[in-house]
Amino acid sequence: APGEDSEVIIYPQAIFKDPFRRGNNILVMCDAY
């Protein structure tokens, strides 16, 4: 995106358990709009 309009929105699409933080923490695969 250009600096003067730099915001990109991410939409959560799929959830996975986080092997690094563990517990109930999650990894979230997103796509961008």
Full PDB file with SEQRES, HELIX, SHEET, SSBOND, CRYST1, ORIGX, SCALE, CONECT and MASTER records, all heavy atoms in Angstrom:
SEQRES   1 A   33  ALA PRO GLY GLU ASP SER GLU VAL ILE ILE TYR PRO GLN          
SEQRES   2 A   33  ALA ILE PHE LYS ASP PRO PHE ARG ARG GLY ASN ASN ILE          
SEQRES   3 A   33  LEU VAL MET CYS ASP ALA TYR                                  
HELIX    1 AA1 GLY A    3  ASP A    5  5                                   3    
SHEET    1 AA1 2 ILE A  10  LYS A  17  0                                        
SHEET    2 AA1 2 ILE A  26  ALA A  32 -1                                        
CRYST1    1.000    1.000    1.000  90.00  90.00  90.00 P 1           1          
ORIGX1      1.000000  0.000000  0.000000        0.00000                         
ORIGX2      0.000000  1.000000  0.000000        0.00000                         
ORIGX3      0.000000  0.000000  1.000000        0.00000                         
SCALE1      1.000000  0.000000  0.000000        0.00000                         
SCALE2      0.000000  1.000000  0.000000        0.00000                         
SCALE3      0.000000  0.000000  1.000000        0.00000                         
ATOM      1  N   ALA A   1       0.857  -1.197   0.000  1.00  0.00           N  
ATOM      2  CA  ALA A   1       0.000   0.000   0.000  1.00  0.00           C  
ATOM      3  C   ALA A   1       0.887   1.239   0.000  1.00  0.00           C  
ATOM      4  O   ALA A   1       2.016   1.200   0.487  1.00  0.00           O  
ATOM      5  CB  ALA A   1      -0.909   0.005   1.230  1.00  0.00           C  
ATOM      6  N   PRO A   2       0.386   2.360  -0.542  1.00  0.00           N  
ATOM      7  CA  PRO A   2       1.164   3.610  -0.514  1.00  0.00           C  
ATOM      8  C   PRO A   2       1.135   4.233   0.886  1.00  0.00           C  
ATOM      9  O   PRO A   2       0.216   3.993   1.661  1.00  0.00           O  
ATOM     10  CB  PRO A   2       0.418   4.505  -1.523  1.00  0.00           C  
ATOM     11  CG  PRO A   2      -0.986   3.984  -1.537  1.00  0.00           C  
ATOM     12  CD  PRO A   2      -0.903   2.513  -1.240  1.00  0.00           C  
ATOM     13  N   GLY A   3       2.159   5.029   1.195  1.00  0.00           N  
ATOM     14  CA  GLY A   3       2.275   5.636   2.527  1.00  0.00           C  
ATOM     15  C   GLY A   3       1.100   6.512   2.916  1.00  0.00           C  
ATOM     16  O   GLY A   3       0.700   6.567   4.076  1.00  0.00           O  
ATOM     17  N   GLU A   4       0.499   7.181   1.918  1.00  0.00           N  
ATOM     18  CA  GLU A   4      -0.588   8.121   2.254  1.00  0.00           C  
ATOM     19  C   GLU A   4      -1.933   7.416   2.462  1.00  0.00           C  
ATOM     20  O   GLU A   4      -2.886   8.032   2.914  1.00  0.00           O  
ATOM     21  CB  GLU A   4      -0.716   9.228   1.185  1.00  0.00           C  
ATOM     22  CG  GLU A   4      -1.125   8.783  -0.211  1.00  0.00           C  
ATOM     23  CD  GLU A   4       0.027   8.222  -1.029  1.00  0.00           C  
ATOM     24  OE1 GLU A   4       1.169   8.155  -0.517  1.00  0.00           O  
ATOM     25  OE2 GLU A   4      -0.223   7.843  -2.192  1.00  0.00           O  
ATOM     26  N   ASP A   5      -1.991   6.133   2.114  1.00  0.00           N  
ATOM     27  CA  ASP A   5      -3.222   5.364   2.372  1.00  0.00           C  
ATOM     28  C   ASP A   5      -2.792   3.937   2.696  1.00  0.00           C  
ATOM     29  O   ASP A   5      -3.015   3.015   1.938  1.00  0.00           O  
ATOM     30  CB  ASP A   5      -4.129   5.406   1.131  1.00  0.00           C  
ATOM     31  CG  ASP A   5      -5.480   4.722   1.381  1.00  0.00           C  
ATOM     32  OD1 ASP A   5      -5.774   4.436   2.552  1.00  0.00           O  
ATOM     33  OD2 ASP A   5      -6.207   4.458   0.407  1.00  0.00           O  
ATOM     34  N   SER A   6      -2.167   3.791   3.869  1.00  0.00           N  
ATOM     35  CA  SER A   6      -1.355   2.587   4.105  1.00  0.00           C  
ATOM     36  C   SER A   6      -2.095   1.457   4.794  1.00  0.00           C  
ATOM     37  O   SER A   6      -1.524   0.396   5.002  1.00  0.00           O  
ATOM     38  CB  SER A   6      -0.125   2.960   4.938  1.00  0.00           C  
ATOM     39  OG  SER A   6      -0.549   3.378   6.226  1.00  0.00           O  
ATOM     40  N   GLU A   7      -3.354   1.672   5.156  1.00  0.00           N  
ATOM     41  CA  GLU A   7      -4.005   0.642   5.957  1.00  0.00           C  
ATOM     42  C   GLU A   7      -4.489  -0.533   5.111  1.00  0.00           C  
ATOM     43  O   GLU A   7      -5.201  -0.359   4.131  1.00  0.00           O  
ATOM     44  CB  GLU A   7      -5.188   1.253   6.714  1.00  0.00           C  
ATOM     45  CG  GLU A   7      -5.375   0.635   8.075  1.00  0.00           C  
ATOM     46  CD  GLU A   7      -6.215   1.493   9.001  1.00  0.00           C  
ATOM     47  OE1 GLU A   7      -7.445   1.318   8.990  1.00  0.00           O  
ATOM     48  OE2 GLU A   7      -5.638   2.335   9.722  1.00  0.00           O  
ATOM     49  N   VAL A   8      -4.080  -1.729   5.495  1.00  0.00           N  
ATOM     50  CA  VAL A   8      -4.590  -2.958   4.885  1.00  0.00           C  
ATOM     51  C   VAL A   8      -5.340  -3.724   5.980  1.00  0.00           C  
ATOM     52  O   VAL A   8      -4.856  -3.837   7.109  1.00  0.00           O  
ATOM     53  CB  VAL A   8      -3.442  -3.821   4.313  1.00  0.00           C  
ATOM     54  CG1 VAL A   8      -3.991  -5.119   3.716  1.00  0.00           C  
ATOM     55  CG2 VAL A   8      -2.660  -3.056   3.243  1.00  0.00           C  
ATOM     56  N   ILE A   9      -6.529  -4.217   5.642  1.00  0.00           N  
ATOM     57  CA  ILE A   9      -7.360  -4.910   6.635  1.00  0.00           C  
ATOM     58  C   ILE A   9      -7.168  -6.421   6.478  1.00  0.00           C  
ATOM     59  O   ILE A   9      -7.215  -6.934   5.353  1.00  0.00           O  
ATOM     60  CB  ILE A   9      -8.862  -4.576   6.455  1.00  0.00           C  
ATOM     61  CG1 ILE A   9      -9.060  -3.073   6.185  1.00  0.00           C  
ATOM     62  CG2 ILE A   9      -9.670  -5.052   7.660  1.00  0.00           C  
ATOM     63  CD1 ILE A   9      -8.631  -2.147   7.288  1.00  0.00           C  
ATOM     64  N   ILE A  10      -6.951  -7.118   7.590  1.00  0.00           N  
ATOM     65  CA  ILE A  10      -6.831  -8.581   7.517  1.00  0.00           C  
ATOM     66  C   ILE A  10      -8.054  -9.250   8.129  1.00  0.00           C  
ATOM     67  O   ILE A  10      -8.520  -8.873   9.192  1.00  0.00           O  
ATOM     68  CB  ILE A  10      -5.519  -9.125   8.133  1.00  0.00           C  
ATOM     69  CG1 ILE A  10      -5.120  -8.380   9.403  1.00  0.00           C  
ATOM     70  CG2 ILE A  10      -4.403  -9.072   7.109  1.00  0.00           C  
ATOM     71  CD1 ILE A  10      -3.819  -8.877  10.026  1.00  0.00           C  
ATOM     72  N   TYR A  11      -8.560 -10.246   7.370  1.00  0.00           N  
ATOM     73  CA  TYR A  11      -9.732 -11.016   7.782  1.00  0.00           C  
ATOM     74  C   TYR A  11      -9.272 -12.400   8.253  1.00  0.00           C  
ATOM     75  O   TYR A  11      -8.658 -13.133   7.474  1.00  0.00           O  
ATOM     76  CB  TYR A  11     -10.694 -11.233   6.602  1.00  0.00           C  
ATOM     77  CG  TYR A  11     -11.363 -10.008   6.025  1.00  0.00           C  
ATOM     78  CD1 TYR A  11     -10.868  -8.716   6.221  1.00  0.00           C  
ATOM     79  CD2 TYR A  11     -12.510 -10.155   5.233  1.00  0.00           C  
ATOM     80  CE1 TYR A  11     -11.494  -7.604   5.654  1.00  0.00           C  
ATOM     81  CE2 TYR A  11     -13.149  -9.051   4.663  1.00  0.00           C  
ATOM     82  CZ  TYR A  11     -12.636  -7.779   4.879  1.00  0.00           C  
ATOM     83  OH  TYR A  11     -13.262  -6.687   4.313  1.00  0.00           O  
ATOM     84  N   PRO A  12      -9.578 -12.768   9.489  1.00  0.00           N  
ATOM     85  CA  PRO A  12      -9.226 -14.116   9.968  1.00  0.00           C  
ATOM     86  C   PRO A  12      -9.967 -15.195   9.169  1.00  0.00           C  
ATOM     87  O   PRO A  12     -11.170 -15.076   8.934  1.00  0.00           O  
ATOM     88  CB  PRO A  12      -9.703 -14.121  11.423  1.00  0.00           C  
ATOM     89  CG  PRO A  12      -9.821 -12.679  11.797  1.00  0.00           C  
ATOM     90  CD  PRO A  12     -10.209 -11.961  10.548  1.00  0.00           C  
ATOM     91  N   GLN A  13      -9.238 -16.226   8.724  1.00  0.00           N  
ATOM     92  CA  GLN A  13      -9.852 -17.266   7.885  1.00  0.00           C  
ATOM     93  C   GLN A  13      -9.728 -18.679   8.449  1.00  0.00           C  
ATOM     94  O   GLN A  13     -10.582 -19.522   8.198  1.00  0.00           O  
ATOM     95  CB  GLN A  13      -9.240 -17.233   6.476  1.00  0.00           C  
ATOM     96  CG  GLN A  13      -9.455 -15.931   5.714  1.00  0.00           C  
ATOM     97  CD  GLN A  13     -10.906 -15.684   5.313  1.00  0.00           C  
ATOM     98  OE1 GLN A  13     -11.805 -16.472   5.604  1.00  0.00           O  
ATOM     99  NE2 GLN A  13     -11.148 -14.570   4.649  1.00  0.00           N  
ATOM    100  N   ALA A  14      -8.659 -18.958   9.180  1.00  0.00           N  
ATOM    101  CA  ALA A  14      -8.478 -20.322   9.703  1.00  0.00           C  
ATOM    102  C   ALA A  14      -7.662 -20.251  10.991  1.00  0.00           C  
ATOM    103  O   ALA A  14      -6.736 -19.441  11.103  1.00  0.00           O  
ATOM    104  CB  ALA A  14      -7.762 -21.203   8.679  1.00  0.00           C  
ATOM    105  N   ILE A  15      -8.024 -21.103  11.946  1.00  0.00           N  
ATOM    106  CA  ILE A  15      -7.374 -21.100  13.262  1.00  0.00           C  
ATOM    107  C   ILE A  15      -6.592 -22.395  13.462  1.00  0.00           C  
ATOM    108  O   ILE A  15      -7.065 -23.484  13.124  1.00  0.00           O  
ATOM    109  CB  ILE A  15      -8.431 -20.968  14.383  1.00  0.00           C  
ATOM    110  CG1 ILE A  15      -9.061 -19.572  14.350  1.00  0.00           C  
ATOM    111  CG2 ILE A  15      -7.817 -21.234  15.759  1.00  0.00           C  
ATOM    112  CD1 ILE A  15     -10.174 -19.392  15.367  1.00  0.00           C  
ATOM    113  N   PHE A  16      -5.380 -22.252  14.030  1.00  0.00           N  
ATOM    114  CA  PHE A  16      -4.544 -23.403  14.387  1.00  0.00           C  
ATOM    115  C   PHE A  16      -4.031 -23.198  15.810  1.00  0.00           C  
ATOM    116  O   PHE A  16      -3.908 -22.060  16.269  1.00  0.00           O  
ATOM    117  CB  PHE A  16      -3.357 -23.519  13.414  1.00  0.00           C  
ATOM    118  CG  PHE A  16      -3.777 -23.777  11.998  1.00  0.00           C  
ATOM    119  CD1 PHE A  16      -4.135 -22.728  11.150  1.00  0.00           C  
ATOM    120  CD2 PHE A  16      -3.850 -25.075  11.503  1.00  0.00           C  
ATOM    121  CE1 PHE A  16      -4.559 -22.974   9.843  1.00  0.00           C  
ATOM    122  CE2 PHE A  16      -4.266 -25.321  10.192  1.00  0.00           C  
ATOM    123  CZ  PHE A  16      -4.621 -24.268   9.371  1.00  0.00           C  
ATOM    124  N   LYS A  17      -3.726 -24.279  16.500  1.00  0.00           N  
ATOM    125  CA  LYS A  17      -3.130 -24.160  17.834  1.00  0.00           C  
ATOM    126  C   LYS A  17      -1.701 -23.649  17.685  1.00  0.00           C  
ATOM    127  O   LYS A  17      -1.009 -24.001  16.730  1.00  0.00           O  
ATOM    128  CB  LYS A  17      -3.150 -25.516  18.540  1.00  0.00           C  
ATOM    129  CG  LYS A  17      -4.549 -25.984  18.899  1.00  0.00           C  
ATOM    130  CD  LYS A  17      -4.537 -27.384  19.508  1.00  0.00           C  
ATOM    131  CE  LYS A  17      -3.830 -27.347  20.851  1.00  0.00           C  
ATOM    132  NZ  LYS A  17      -4.335 -28.383  21.768  1.00  0.00           N  
ATOM    133  N   ASP A  18      -1.261 -22.830  18.624  1.00  0.00           N  
ATOM    134  CA  ASP A  18       0.072 -22.233  18.546  1.00  0.00           C  
ATOM    135  C   ASP A  18       1.097 -23.136  19.239  1.00  0.00           C  
ATOM    136  O   ASP A  18       1.096 -23.249  20.458  1.00  0.00           O  
ATOM    137  CB  ASP A  18       0.044 -20.849  19.211  1.00  0.00           C  
ATOM    138  CG  ASP A  18       1.365 -20.108  19.055  1.00  0.00           C  
ATOM    139  OD1 ASP A  18       2.397 -20.758  18.808  1.00  0.00           O  
ATOM    140  OD2 ASP A  18       1.370 -18.862  19.192  1.00  0.00           O  
ATOM    141  N   PRO A  19       1.986 -23.793  18.457  1.00  0.00           N  
ATOM    142  CA  PRO A  19       2.949 -24.716  19.080  1.00  0.00           C  
ATOM    143  C   PRO A  19       4.052 -23.990  19.848  1.00  0.00           C  
ATOM    144  O   PRO A  19       4.773 -24.604  20.633  1.00  0.00           O  
ATOM    145  CB  PRO A  19       3.531 -25.483  17.891  1.00  0.00           C  
ATOM    146  CG  PRO A  19       3.350 -24.581  16.722  1.00  0.00           C  
ATOM    147  CD  PRO A  19       2.136 -23.747  16.992  1.00  0.00           C  
ATOM    148  N   PHE A  20       4.184 -22.683  19.629  1.00  0.00           N  
ATOM    149  CA  PHE A  20       5.239 -21.920  20.299  1.00  0.00           C  
ATOM    150  C   PHE A  20       4.764 -21.422  21.670  1.00  0.00           C  
ATOM    151  O   PHE A  20       5.466 -21.552  22.663  1.00  0.00           O  
ATOM    152  CB  PHE A  20       5.696 -20.757  19.415  1.00  0.00           C  
ATOM    153  CG  PHE A  20       6.156 -21.221  18.061  1.00  0.00           C  
ATOM    154  CD1 PHE A  20       5.336 -21.090  16.942  1.00  0.00           C  
ATOM    155  CD2 PHE A  20       7.394 -21.830  17.904  1.00  0.00           C  
ATOM    156  CE1 PHE A  20       5.742 -21.551  15.693  1.00  0.00           C  
ATOM    157  CE2 PHE A  20       7.812 -22.297  16.654  1.00  0.00           C  
ATOM    158  CZ  PHE A  20       6.977 -22.151  15.555  1.00  0.00           C  
ATOM    159  N   ARG A  21       3.558 -20.865  21.721  1.00  0.00           N  
ATOM    160  CA  ARG A  21       3.025 -20.347  22.996  1.00  0.00           C  
ATOM    161  C   ARG A  21       2.172 -21.369  23.734  1.00  0.00           C  
ATOM    162  O   ARG A  21       1.957 -21.258  24.929  1.00  0.00           O  
ATOM    163  CB  ARG A  21       2.194 -19.081  22.737  1.00  0.00           C  
ATOM    164  CG  ARG A  21       3.011 -17.929  22.188  1.00  0.00           C  
ATOM    165  CD  ARG A  21       2.208 -16.635  22.199  1.00  0.00           C  
ATOM    166  NE  ARG A  21       3.011 -15.509  21.730  1.00  0.00           N  
ATOM    167  CZ  ARG A  21       2.833 -14.895  20.563  1.00  0.00           C  
ATOM    168  NH1 ARG A  21       1.861 -15.285  19.744  1.00  0.00           N  
ATOM    169  NH2 ARG A  21       3.602 -13.886  20.223  1.00  0.00           N  
ATOM    170  N   ARG A  22       1.631 -22.328  23.014  1.00  0.00           N  
ATOM    171  CA  ARG A  22       0.834 -23.429  23.565  1.00  0.00           C  
ATOM    172  C   ARG A  22      -0.381 -22.933  24.356  1.00  0.00           C  
ATOM    173  O   ARG A  22      -0.854 -21.839  24.111  1.00  0.00           O  
ATOM    174  CB  ARG A  22       1.728 -24.374  24.373  1.00  0.00           C  
ATOM    175  CG  ARG A  22       2.912 -24.815  23.529  1.00  0.00           C  
ATOM    176  CD  ARG A  22       3.665 -25.972  24.090  1.00  0.00           C  
ATOM    177  NE  ARG A  22       4.878 -26.153  23.294  1.00  0.00           N  
ATOM    178  CZ  ARG A  22       6.020 -26.600  23.763  1.00  0.00           C  
ATOM    179  NH1 ARG A  22       6.110 -26.975  25.022  1.00  0.00           N  
ATOM    180  NH2 ARG A  22       7.063 -26.720  22.970  1.00  0.00           N  
ATOM    181  N   GLY A  23      -0.867 -23.780  25.264  1.00  0.00           N  
ATOM    182  CA  GLY A  23      -2.080 -23.416  25.994  1.00  0.00           C  
ATOM    183  C   GLY A  23      -3.239 -23.207  25.030  1.00  0.00           C  
ATOM    184  O   GLY A  23      -3.372 -23.941  24.047  1.00  0.00           O  
ATOM    185  N   ASN A  24      -4.053 -22.191  25.295  1.00  0.00           N  
ATOM    186  CA  ASN A  24      -5.187 -21.877  24.408  1.00  0.00           C  
ATOM    187  C   ASN A  24      -4.817 -20.877  23.318  1.00  0.00           C  
ATOM    188  O   ASN A  24      -5.693 -20.374  22.607  1.00  0.00           O  
ATOM    189  CB  ASN A  24      -6.363 -21.315  25.226  1.00  0.00           C  
ATOM    190  CG  ASN A  24      -7.010 -22.390  26.078  1.00  0.00           C  
ATOM    191  OD1 ASN A  24      -7.155 -23.528  25.631  1.00  0.00           O  
ATOM    192  ND2 ASN A  24      -7.383 -22.052  27.297  1.00  0.00           N  
ATOM    193  N   ASN A  25      -3.527 -20.547  23.223  1.00  0.00           N  
ATOM    194  CA  ASN A  25      -3.087 -19.542  22.259  1.00  0.00           C  
ATOM    195  C   ASN A  25      -3.161 -20.101  20.839  1.00  0.00           C  
ATOM    196  O   ASN A  25      -3.042 -21.309  20.632  1.00  0.00           O  
ATOM    197  CB  ASN A  25      -1.675 -19.084  22.598  1.00  0.00           C  
ATOM    198  CG  ASN A  25      -1.603 -18.561  24.028  1.00  0.00           C  
ATOM    199  OD1 ASN A  25      -2.357 -17.674  24.388  1.00  0.00           O  
ATOM    200  ND2 ASN A  25      -0.736 -19.150  24.831  1.00  0.00           N  
ATOM    201  N   ILE A  26      -3.360 -19.203  19.876  1.00  0.00           N  
ATOM    202  CA  ILE A  26      -3.654 -19.657  18.510  1.00  0.00           C  
ATOM    203  C   ILE A  26      -2.843 -18.924  17.449  1.00  0.00           C  
ATOM    204  O   ILE A  26      -2.372 -17.803  17.666  1.00  0.00           O  
ATOM    205  CB  ILE A  26      -5.167 -19.494  18.180  1.00  0.00           C  
ATOM    206  CG1 ILE A  26      -5.639 -18.052  18.445  1.00  0.00           C  
ATOM    207  CG2 ILE A  26      -6.002 -20.500  18.964  1.00  0.00           C  
ATOM    208  CD1 ILE A  26      -7.098 -17.781  18.042  1.00  0.00           C  
ATOM    209  N   LEU A  27      -2.695 -19.601  16.302  1.00  0.00           N  
ATOM    210  CA  LEU A  27      -2.209 -18.977  15.068  1.00  0.00           C  
ATOM    211  C   LEU A  27      -3.432 -18.753  14.181  1.00  0.00           C  
ATOM    212  O   LEU A  27      -4.293 -19.632  14.092  1.00  0.00           O  
ATOM    213  CB  LEU A  27      -1.223 -19.897  14.334  1.00  0.00           C  
ATOM    214  CG  LEU A  27       0.012 -20.367  15.104  1.00  0.00           C  
ATOM    215  CD1 LEU A  27       0.807 -21.368  14.253  1.00  0.00           C  
ATOM    216  CD2 LEU A  27       0.899 -19.197  15.510  1.00  0.00           C  
ATOM    217  N   VAL A  28      -3.495 -17.602  13.541  1.00  0.00           N  
ATOM    218  CA  VAL A  28      -4.662 -17.262  12.722  1.00  0.00           C  
ATOM    219  C   VAL A  28      -4.215 -16.932  11.303  1.00  0.00           C  
ATOM    220  O   VAL A  28      -3.478 -15.960  11.093  1.00  0.00           O  
ATOM    221  CB  VAL A  28      -5.409 -16.044  13.318  1.00  0.00           C  
ATOM    222  CG1 VAL A  28      -6.663 -15.754  12.503  1.00  0.00           C  
ATOM    223  CG2 VAL A  28      -5.747 -16.267  14.786  1.00  0.00           C  
ATOM    224  N   MET A  29      -4.601 -17.753  10.331  1.00  0.00           N  
ATOM    225  CA  MET A  29      -4.270 -17.464   8.935  1.00  0.00           C  
ATOM    226  C   MET A  29      -5.288 -16.464   8.404  1.00  0.00           C  
ATOM    227  O   MET A  29      -6.500 -16.679   8.505  1.00  0.00           O  
ATOM    228  CB  MET A  29      -4.300 -18.752   8.105  1.00  0.00           C  
ATOM    229  CG  MET A  29      -3.741 -18.593   6.698  1.00  0.00           C  
ATOM    230  SD  MET A  29      -1.972 -18.176   6.699  1.00  0.00           S  
ATOM    231  CE  MET A  29      -1.843 -17.251   5.162  1.00  0.00           C  
ATOM    232  N   CYS A  30      -4.776 -15.352   7.852  1.00  0.00           N  
ATOM    233  CA  CYS A  30      -5.648 -14.259   7.395  1.00  0.00           C  
ATOM    234  C   CYS A  30      -5.437 -13.996   5.912  1.00  0.00           C  
ATOM    235  O   CYS A  30      -4.415 -14.383   5.336  1.00  0.00           O  
ATOM    236  CB  CYS A  30      -5.310 -12.971   8.153  1.00  0.00           C  
ATOM    237  SG  CYS A  30      -5.425 -13.132   9.948  1.00  0.00           S  
ATOM    238  N   ASP A  31      -6.400 -13.302   5.298  1.00  0.00           N  
ATOM    239  CA  ASP A  31      -6.133 -12.714   3.982  1.00  0.00           C  
ATOM    240  C   ASP A  31      -6.419 -11.211   4.042  1.00  0.00           C  
ATOM    241  O   ASP A  31      -6.998 -10.707   5.009  1.00  0.00           O  
ATOM    242  CB  ASP A  31      -6.857 -13.437   2.843  1.00  0.00           C  
ATOM    243  CG  ASP A  31      -8.361 -13.408   2.965  1.00  0.00           C  
ATOM    244  OD1 ASP A  31      -8.885 -12.969   4.000  1.00  0.00           O  
ATOM    245  OD2 ASP A  31      -9.041 -13.825   1.996  1.00  0.00           O  
ATOM    246  N   ALA A  32      -5.977 -10.484   3.016  1.00  0.00           N  
ATOM    247  CA  ALA A  32      -5.833  -9.028   3.121  1.00  0.00           C  
ATOM    248  C   ALA A  32      -6.723  -8.267   2.133  1.00  0.00           C  
ATOM    249  O   ALA A  32      -6.854  -8.659   0.972  1.00  0.00           O  
ATOM    250  CB  ALA A  32      -4.373  -8.654   2.901  1.00  0.00           C  
ATOM    251  N   TYR A  33      -7.312  -7.155   2.623  1.00  0.00           N  
ATOM    252  CA  TYR A  33      -8.282  -6.362   1.859  1.00  0.00           C  
ATOM    253  C   TYR A  33      -8.015  -4.867   2.029  1.00  0.00           C  
ATOM    254  O   TYR A  33      -7.419  -4.442   3.021  1.00  0.00           O  
ATOM    255  CB  TYR A  33      -9.714  -6.669   2.340  1.00  0.00           C  
ATOM    256  CG  TYR A  33     -10.126  -8.104   2.112  1.00  0.00           C  
ATOM    257  CD1 TYR A  33      -9.724  -9.111   2.991  1.00  0.00           C  
ATOM    258  CD2 TYR A  33     -10.891  -8.471   1.001  1.00  0.00           C  
ATOM    259  CE1 TYR A  33     -10.062 -10.438   2.769  1.00  0.00           C  
ATOM    260  CE2 TYR A  33     -11.240  -9.798   0.783  1.00  0.00           C  
ATOM    261  CZ  TYR A  33     -10.828 -10.780   1.665  1.00  0.00           C  
ATOM    262  OH  TYR A  33     -11.163 -12.090   1.445  1.00  0.00           O  
TER     263      TYR A  33                                                      
MASTER        0    0    0    1    2    0    0    6  262    1    0    3          
END                                                                             
